[in-house]
Amino acid sequence: MSENLNKVLDVKNKDNKPKKHKLTGKLRALVAGLLLATVATVCVNLILFTNDATKKVIAKNQSNSIKEQLKNLLPPAALKDDVKIECYQIKENRHIGHNQKIFVARNAKGNLGYVLTYATSLGYSNPLVLISGFTSDGRVYKTDIQFSQETPGLGDKVDRKHGNFLDQFNGKSLNDATWDVKKYGGDFDFITGATVTSRATVIATSEALKALE
């Protein structure tokens, strides 16, 4: 009798043992997948947020840089409080290249000055992109290099960081100078060892004056 009872009890004890859930492995995989998806979503959102914030900072810096350039390149008459500056994109022009920009400073009386970007393929290492400010009557006020890949120590000597070569354009119009370097019969000096780049800036600026007209 006791043996039968023990057998019965043993059976019950076995039946009462907690059973492993058949879905335990699947549940673990599901939880791991959900966790991984959550982490990935958070990471993507952080990247997008950082990217958006970075773009805003870059855009702000570029805007400030452009404002400084305009302030530096526009003639004094174009920097008065009542002056409005508008930017236009020039998609194509045979004198200055593709996708250049012109900034027009004007008030109620009319146009007071311009800033124009222009590119040339006459440099030693192209492209060479310049930016100049002009007076309302079509004279160069000030010129600078916006982008250059010219050889360091040679072609880059035309840059304002290395001297005042570009100042010789100041006050010149299209018709009151021969726009070439003296080596080729023009009115402008050139930098020894950087004749190609010197000539490229001179001719490019004359082409910019043609485009401005």
C-alpha atoms as a PDB file:
ATOM      1  CA  MET A   1       0.000   0.000   0.000  1.00  0.00           C
ATOM      2  CA  SER A   2       2.758   2.421   0.977  1.00  0.00           C
ATOM      3  CA  GLU A   3       4.689   1.501  -2.152  1.00  0.00           C
ATOM      4  CA  ASN A   4       1.671   2.310  -4.279  1.00  0.00           C
ATOM      5  CA  LEU A   5       1.211   5.533  -2.368  1.00  0.00           C
ATOM      6  CA  ASN A   6       4.827   6.435  -2.865  1.00  0.00           C
ATOM      7  CA  LYS A   7       4.485   5.768  -6.556  1.00  0.00           C
ATOM      8  CA  VAL A   8       1.445   7.978  -6.682  1.00  0.00           C
ATOM      9  CA  LEU A   9       3.241  10.693  -4.739  1.00  0.00           C
ATOM     10  CA  ASP A  10       6.285  10.396  -6.974  1.00  0.00           C
ATOM     11  CA  VAL A  11       4.122  10.862  -9.995  1.00  0.00           C
ATOM     12  CA  LYS A  12       2.490  13.890  -8.460  1.00  0.00           C
ATOM     13  CA  ASN A  13       5.840  15.325  -7.482  1.00  0.00           C
ATOM     14  CA  LYS A  14       7.036  14.915 -11.052  1.00  0.00           C
ATOM     15  CA  ASP A  15       3.872  16.509 -12.341  1.00  0.00           C
ATOM     16  CA  ASN A  16       4.284  19.418  -9.958  1.00  0.00           C
ATOM     17  CA  LYS A  17       7.789  20.300 -11.184  1.00  0.00           C
ATOM     18  CA  PRO A  18       7.818  23.580 -13.137  1.00  0.00           C
ATOM     19  CA  LYS A  19       7.936  22.973 -16.842  1.00  0.00           C
ATOM     20  CA  LYS A  20      10.227  24.907 -19.079  1.00  0.00           C
ATOM     21  CA  HIS A  21       8.267  27.135 -21.417  1.00  0.00           C
ATOM     22  CA  LYS A  22       8.658  25.947 -24.984  1.00  0.00           C
ATOM     23  CA  LEU A  23       8.811  29.585 -26.198  1.00  0.00           C
ATOM     24  CA  THR A  24      11.660  30.653 -23.869  1.00  0.00           C
ATOM     25  CA  GLY A  25      14.270  30.646 -26.655  1.00  0.00           C
ATOM     26  CA  LYS A  26      11.980  32.478 -29.049  1.00  0.00           C
ATOM     27  CA  LEU A  27      11.069  35.033 -26.412  1.00  0.00           C
ATOM     28  CA  ARG A  28      14.706  35.712 -25.669  1.00  0.00           C
ATOM     29  CA  ALA A  29      15.410  36.223 -29.365  1.00  0.00           C
ATOM     30  CA  LEU A  30      12.382  38.492 -29.667  1.00  0.00           C
ATOM     31  CA  VAL A  31      13.435  40.591 -26.661  1.00  0.00           C
ATOM     32  CA  ALA A  32      17.009  40.802 -27.971  1.00  0.00           C
ATOM     33  CA  GLY A  33      15.714  41.861 -31.379  1.00  0.00           C
ATOM     34  CA  LEU A  34      13.474  44.533 -29.887  1.00  0.00           C
ATOM     35  CA  LEU A  35      16.318  45.808 -27.731  1.00  0.00           C
ATOM     36  CA  LEU A  36      18.662  45.951 -30.704  1.00  0.00           C
ATOM     37  CA  ALA A  37      16.037  47.765 -32.787  1.00  0.00           C
ATOM     38  CA  THR A  38      15.497  50.281 -29.977  1.00  0.00           C
ATOM     39  CA  VAL A  39      19.227  50.956 -29.644  1.00  0.00           C
ATOM     40  CA  ALA A  40      19.545  51.318 -33.426  1.00  0.00           C
ATOM     41  CA  THR A  41      16.629  53.746 -33.544  1.00  0.00           C
ATOM     42  CA  VAL A  42      18.129  55.852 -30.758  1.00  0.00           C
ATOM     43  CA  CYS A  43      21.513  55.884 -32.529  1.00  0.00           C
ATOM     44  CA  VAL A  44      19.967  56.895 -35.853  1.00  0.00           C
ATOM     45  CA  ASN A  45      18.006  59.697 -34.195  1.00  0.00           C
ATOM     46  CA  LEU A  46      21.153  60.919 -32.437  1.00  0.00           C
ATOM     47  CA  ILE A  47      23.062  60.910 -35.739  1.00  0.00           C
ATOM     48  CA  LEU A  48      20.256  62.795 -37.494  1.00  0.00           C
ATOM     49  CA  PHE A  49      20.064  65.304 -34.665  1.00  0.00           C
ATOM     50  CA  THR A  50      23.844  65.813 -34.681  1.00  0.00           C
ATOM     51  CA  ASN A  51      23.880  66.111 -38.462  1.00  0.00           C
ATOM     52  CA  ASP A  52      21.079  68.683 -38.398  1.00  0.00           C
ATOM     53  CA  ALA A  53      22.802  70.659 -35.662  1.00  0.00           C
ATOM     54  CA  THR A  54      26.115  70.512 -37.552  1.00  0.00           C
ATOM     55  CA  LYS A  55      24.463  71.727 -40.757  1.00  0.00           C
ATOM     56  CA  LYS A  56      22.997  74.690 -38.898  1.00  0.00           C
ATOM     57  CA  VAL A  57      26.394  75.569 -37.422  1.00  0.00           C
ATOM     58  CA  ILE A  58      28.088  75.254 -40.829  1.00  0.00           C
ATOM     59  CA  ALA A  59      25.371  77.350 -42.483  1.00  0.00           C
ATOM     60  CA  LYS A  60      25.719  80.002 -39.776  1.00  0.00           C
ATOM     61  CA  ASN A  61      29.504  80.069 -40.149  1.00  0.00           C
ATOM     62  CA  GLN A  62      29.197  80.339 -43.930  1.00  0.00           C
ATOM     63  CA  SER A  63      26.682  83.146 -43.573  1.00  0.00           C
ATOM     64  CA  ASN A  64      28.986  85.019 -41.198  1.00  0.00           C
ATOM     65  CA  SER A  65      31.921  84.430 -43.545  1.00  0.00           C
ATOM     66  CA  ILE A  66      29.970  85.824 -46.513  1.00  0.00           C
ATOM     67  CA  LYS A  67      28.933  88.870 -44.490  1.00  0.00           C
ATOM     68  CA  GLU A  68      32.561  89.535 -43.582  1.00  0.00           C
ATOM     69  CA  GLN A  69      33.587  89.168 -47.225  1.00  0.00           C
ATOM     70  CA  LEU A  70      30.902  91.564 -48.389  1.00  0.00           C
ATOM     71  CA  LYS A  71      31.854  94.070 -45.727  1.00  0.00           C
ATOM     72  CA  ASN A  72      35.469  93.813 -46.826  1.00  0.00           C
ATOM     73  CA  LEU A  73      34.878  93.944 -50.590  1.00  0.00           C
ATOM     74  CA  LEU A  74      32.046  96.441 -51.047  1.00  0.00           C
ATOM     75  CA  PRO A  75      32.881 100.136 -51.428  1.00  0.00           C
ATOM     76  CA  PRO A  76      31.959 102.363 -48.456  1.00  0.00           C
ATOM     77  CA  ALA A  77      28.952 103.830 -50.283  1.00  0.00           C
ATOM     78  CA  ALA A  78      27.409 100.360 -50.368  1.00  0.00           C
ATOM     79  CA  LEU A  79      27.676  99.796 -46.617  1.00  0.00           C
ATOM     80  CA  LYS A  80      25.210 102.392 -45.388  1.00  0.00           C
ATOM     81  CA  ASP A  81      22.294 101.497 -43.124  1.00  0.00           C
ATOM     82  CA  ASP A  82      19.662 101.974 -45.804  1.00  0.00           C
ATOM     83  CA  VAL A  83      21.371  99.583 -48.229  1.00  0.00           C
ATOM     84  CA  LYS A  84      19.862  96.214 -49.055  1.00  0.00           C
ATOM     85  CA  ILE A  85      22.074  93.445 -50.423  1.00  0.00           C
ATOM     86  CA  GLU A  86      20.544  90.840 -52.702  1.00  0.00           C
ATOM     87  CA  CYS A  87      22.232  87.706 -54.026  1.00  0.00           C
ATOM     88  CA  TYR A  88      21.666  86.205 -57.466  1.00  0.00           C
ATOM     89  CA  GLN A  89      23.069  82.999 -58.892  1.00  0.00           C
ATOM     90  CA  ILE A  90      24.535  83.075 -62.364  1.00  0.00           C
ATOM     91  CA  LYS A  91      24.144  79.564 -63.721  1.00  0.00           C
ATOM     92  CA  GLU A  92      26.288  80.092 -66.772  1.00  0.00           C
ATOM     93  CA  ASN A  93      28.299  82.933 -68.254  1.00  0.00           C
ATOM     94  CA  ARG A  94      31.095  82.588 -70.787  1.00  0.00           C
ATOM     95  CA  HIS A  95      33.188  85.215 -69.020  1.00  0.00           C
ATOM     96  CA  ILE A  96      33.039  83.930 -65.448  1.00  0.00           C
ATOM     97  CA  GLY A  97      32.061  80.248 -65.602  1.00  0.00           C
ATOM     98  CA  HIS A  98      29.219  78.226 -64.112  1.00  0.00           C
ATOM     99  CA  ASN A  99      27.251  78.683 -60.898  1.00  0.00           C
ATOM    100  CA  GLN A 100      28.776  81.964 -59.826  1.00  0.00           C
ATOM    101  CA  LYS A 101      27.157  84.557 -57.564  1.00  0.00           C
ATOM    102  CA  ILE A 102      26.630  88.271 -57.723  1.00  0.00           C
ATOM    103  CA  PHE A 103      25.670  90.383 -54.712  1.00  0.00           C
ATOM    104  CA  VAL A 104      23.996  93.685 -55.521  1.00  0.00           C
ATOM    105  CA  ALA A 105      23.971  96.460 -52.937  1.00  0.00           C
ATOM    106  CA  ARG A 106      21.229  99.004 -53.540  1.00  0.00           C
ATOM    107  CA  ASN A 107      19.000 101.541 -51.882  1.00  0.00           C
ATOM    108  CA  ALA A 108      16.162 103.725 -53.104  1.00  0.00           C
ATOM    109  CA  LYS A 109      18.572 105.757 -55.242  1.00  0.00           C
ATOM    110  CA  GLY A 110      19.896 102.745 -57.169  1.00  0.00           C
ATOM    111  CA  ASN A 111      22.787 100.281 -57.217  1.00  0.00           C
ATOM    112  CA  LEU A 112      25.751 101.265 -55.060  1.00  0.00           C
ATOM    113  CA  GLY A 113      28.127  98.349 -55.512  1.00  0.00           C
ATOM    114  CA  TYR A 114      28.573  94.731 -56.484  1.00  0.00           C
ATOM    115  CA  VAL A 115      30.442  91.644 -55.361  1.00  0.00           C
ATOM    116  CA  LEU A 116      31.003  88.957 -57.969  1.00  0.00           C
ATOM    117  CA  THR A 117      32.572  85.502 -57.859  1.00  0.00           C
ATOM    118  CA  TYR A 118      34.281  84.258 -60.996  1.00  0.00           C
ATOM    119  CA  ALA A 119      36.345  81.272 -62.060  1.00  0.00           C
ATOM    120  CA  THR A 120      39.187  80.783 -64.516  1.00  0.00           C
ATOM    121  CA  SER A 121      40.920  77.769 -65.988  1.00  0.00           C
ATOM    122  CA  LEU A 122      44.050  79.753 -66.865  1.00  0.00           C
ATOM    123  CA  GLY A 123      45.759  79.014 -63.564  1.00  0.00           C
ATOM    124  CA  TYR A 124      48.458  76.432 -62.999  1.00  0.00           C
ATOM    125  CA  SER A 125      46.111  74.203 -60.976  1.00  0.00           C
ATOM    126  CA  ASN A 126      42.441  74.650 -61.775  1.00  0.00           C
ATOM    127  CA  PRO A 127      39.937  75.799 -60.791  1.00  0.00           C
ATOM    128  CA  LEU A 128      40.998  79.204 -59.549  1.00  0.00           C
ATOM    129  CA  VAL A 129      38.054  81.142 -58.133  1.00  0.00           C
ATOM    130  CA  LEU A 130      38.229  84.851 -57.354  1.00  0.00           C
ATOM    131  CA  ILE A 131      35.833  87.260 -55.704  1.00  0.00           C
ATOM    132  CA  SER A 132      35.833  91.026 -56.306  1.00  0.00           C
ATOM    133  CA  GLY A 133      33.952  94.056 -55.152  1.00  0.00           C
ATOM    134  CA  PHE A 134      33.048  96.703 -57.732  1.00  0.00           C
ATOM    135  CA  THR A 135      31.848 100.278 -57.559  1.00  0.00           C
ATOM    136  CA  SER A 136      28.559 101.316 -59.121  1.00  0.00           C
ATOM    137  CA  ASP A 137      30.395 102.742 -62.157  1.00  0.00           C
ATOM    138  CA  GLY A 138      32.143  99.455 -62.951  1.00  0.00           C
ATOM    139  CA  ARG A 139      35.535  99.805 -61.334  1.00  0.00           C
ATOM    140  CA  VAL A 140      37.334  97.221 -59.231  1.00  0.00           C
ATOM    141  CA  TYR A 141      37.194  98.146 -55.568  1.00  0.00           C
ATOM    142  CA  LYS A 142      38.980  95.126 -54.107  1.00  0.00           C
ATOM    143  CA  THR A 143      39.837  91.600 -55.227  1.00  0.00           C
ATOM    144  CA  ASP A 144      40.549  88.427 -53.284  1.00  0.00           C
ATOM    145  CA  ILE A 145      41.087  84.725 -53.926  1.00  0.00           C
ATOM    146  CA  GLN A 146      38.117  82.598 -52.883  1.00  0.00           C
ATOM    147  CA  PHE A 147      39.460  79.169 -53.833  1.00  0.00           C
ATOM    148  CA  SER A 148      42.872  78.123 -55.076  1.00  0.00           C
ATOM    149  CA  GLN A 149      44.874  74.962 -55.612  1.00  0.00           C
ATOM    150  CA  GLU A 150      47.951  76.807 -56.833  1.00  0.00           C
ATOM    151  CA  THR A 151      51.349  75.492 -55.782  1.00  0.00           C
ATOM    152  CA  PRO A 152      52.257  76.496 -52.199  1.00  0.00           C
ATOM    153  CA  GLY A 153      55.173  78.897 -52.151  1.00  0.00           C
ATOM    154  CA  LEU A 154      54.751  79.776 -55.841  1.00  0.00           C
ATOM    155  CA  GLY A 155      51.288  80.307 -57.316  1.00  0.00           C
ATOM    156  CA  ASP A 156      49.708  81.018 -53.964  1.00  0.00           C
ATOM    157  CA  LYS A 157      51.818  84.191 -53.640  1.00  0.00           C
ATOM    158  CA  VAL A 158      49.026  86.107 -55.375  1.00  0.00           C
ATOM    159  CA  ASP A 159      46.866  85.501 -52.299  1.00  0.00           C
ATOM    160  CA  ARG A 160      46.453  88.396 -49.865  1.00  0.00           C
ATOM    161  CA  LYS A 161      47.976  86.270 -47.130  1.00  0.00           C
ATOM    162  CA  HIS A 162      51.299  86.569 -48.952  1.00  0.00           C
ATOM    163  CA  GLY A 163      51.268  90.151 -50.211  1.00  0.00           C
ATOM    164  CA  ASN A 164      49.446  92.987 -51.947  1.00  0.00           C
ATOM    165  CA  PHE A 165      49.664  91.761 -55.558  1.00  0.00           C
ATOM    166  CA  LEU A 166      45.890  92.057 -56.040  1.00  0.00           C
ATOM    167  CA  ASP A 167      45.828  95.711 -54.951  1.00  0.00           C
ATOM    168  CA  GLN A 168      47.029  96.787 -58.399  1.00  0.00           C
ATOM    169  CA  PHE A 169      43.509  96.063 -59.704  1.00  0.00           C
ATOM    170  CA  ASN A 170      41.950  98.632 -57.365  1.00  0.00           C
ATOM    171  CA  GLY A 171      40.251 101.516 -59.159  1.00  0.00           C
ATOM    172  CA  LYS A 172      40.711 100.005 -62.592  1.00  0.00           C
ATOM    173  CA  SER A 173      37.871  99.698 -65.113  1.00  0.00           C
ATOM    174  CA  LEU A 174      37.701  97.584 -68.239  1.00  0.00           C
ATOM    175  CA  ASN A 175      38.737 100.400 -70.578  1.00  0.00           C
ATOM    176  CA  ASP A 176      41.417 102.300 -68.692  1.00  0.00           C
ATOM    177  CA  ALA A 177      43.983  99.502 -68.549  1.00  0.00           C
ATOM    178  CA  THR A 178      45.474  96.811 -70.755  1.00  0.00           C
ATOM    179  CA  TRP A 179      44.429  93.701 -68.876  1.00  0.00           C
ATOM    180  CA  ASP A 180      47.479  91.497 -69.069  1.00  0.00           C
ATOM    181  CA  VAL A 181      50.796  91.239 -67.251  1.00  0.00           C
ATOM    182  CA  LYS A 182      53.734  93.358 -68.404  1.00  0.00           C
ATOM    183  CA  LYS A 183      55.534  90.304 -69.714  1.00  0.00           C
ATOM    184  CA  TYR A 184      52.820  90.033 -72.371  1.00  0.00           C
ATOM    185  CA  GLY A 185      52.364  93.738 -73.079  1.00  0.00           C
ATOM    186  CA  GLY A 186      49.866  94.542 -70.322  1.00  0.00           C
ATOM    187  CA  ASP A 187      49.828  97.072 -67.487  1.00  0.00           C
ATOM    188  CA  PHE A 188      50.058  94.735 -64.530  1.00  0.00           C
ATOM    189  CA  ASP A 189      53.004  93.380 -62.604  1.00  0.00           C
ATOM    190  CA  PHE A 190      53.483  89.665 -62.126  1.00  0.00           C
ATOM    191  CA  ILE A 191      55.123  87.585 -59.435  1.00  0.00           C
ATOM    192  CA  THR A 192      58.363  85.927 -60.468  1.00  0.00           C
ATOM    193  CA  GLY A 193      57.905  82.165 -60.384  1.00  0.00           C
ATOM    194  CA  ALA A 194      54.138  82.569 -60.539  1.00  0.00           C
ATOM    195  CA  THR A 195      53.650  84.192 -63.918  1.00  0.00           C
ATOM    196  CA  VAL A 196      50.882  81.790 -64.943  1.00  0.00           C
ATOM    197  CA  THR A 197      48.830  82.435 -61.816  1.00  0.00           C
ATOM    198  CA  SER A 198      49.493  86.175 -61.931  1.00  0.00           C
ATOM    199  CA  ARG A 199      48.294  86.360 -65.523  1.00  0.00           C
ATOM    200  CA  ALA A 200      45.270  84.179 -64.736  1.00  0.00           C
ATOM    201  CA  THR A 201      44.052  86.588 -62.038  1.00  0.00           C
ATOM    202  CA  VAL A 202      44.519  89.615 -64.326  1.00  0.00           C
ATOM    203  CA  ILE A 203      42.681  88.138 -67.299  1.00  0.00           C
ATOM    204  CA  ALA A 204      39.960  86.607 -65.107  1.00  0.00           C
ATOM    205  CA  THR A 205      39.268  89.991 -63.503  1.00  0.00           C
ATOM    206  CA  SER A 206      38.974  91.645 -66.905  1.00  0.00           C
ATOM    207  CA  GLU A 207      36.480  88.955 -67.867  1.00  0.00           C
ATOM    208  CA  ALA A 208      34.560  89.659 -64.655  1.00  0.00           C
ATOM    209  CA  LEU A 209      34.349  93.314 -65.664  1.00  0.00           C
ATOM    210  CA  LYS A 210      32.932  92.253 -69.036  1.00  0.00           C
ATOM    211  CA  ALA A 211      30.323  90.110 -67.299  1.00  0.00           C
ATOM    212  CA  LEU A 212      29.450  92.987 -64.983  1.00  0.00           C
ATOM    213  CA  GLU A 213      28.817  95.263 -67.949  1.00  0.00           C
END
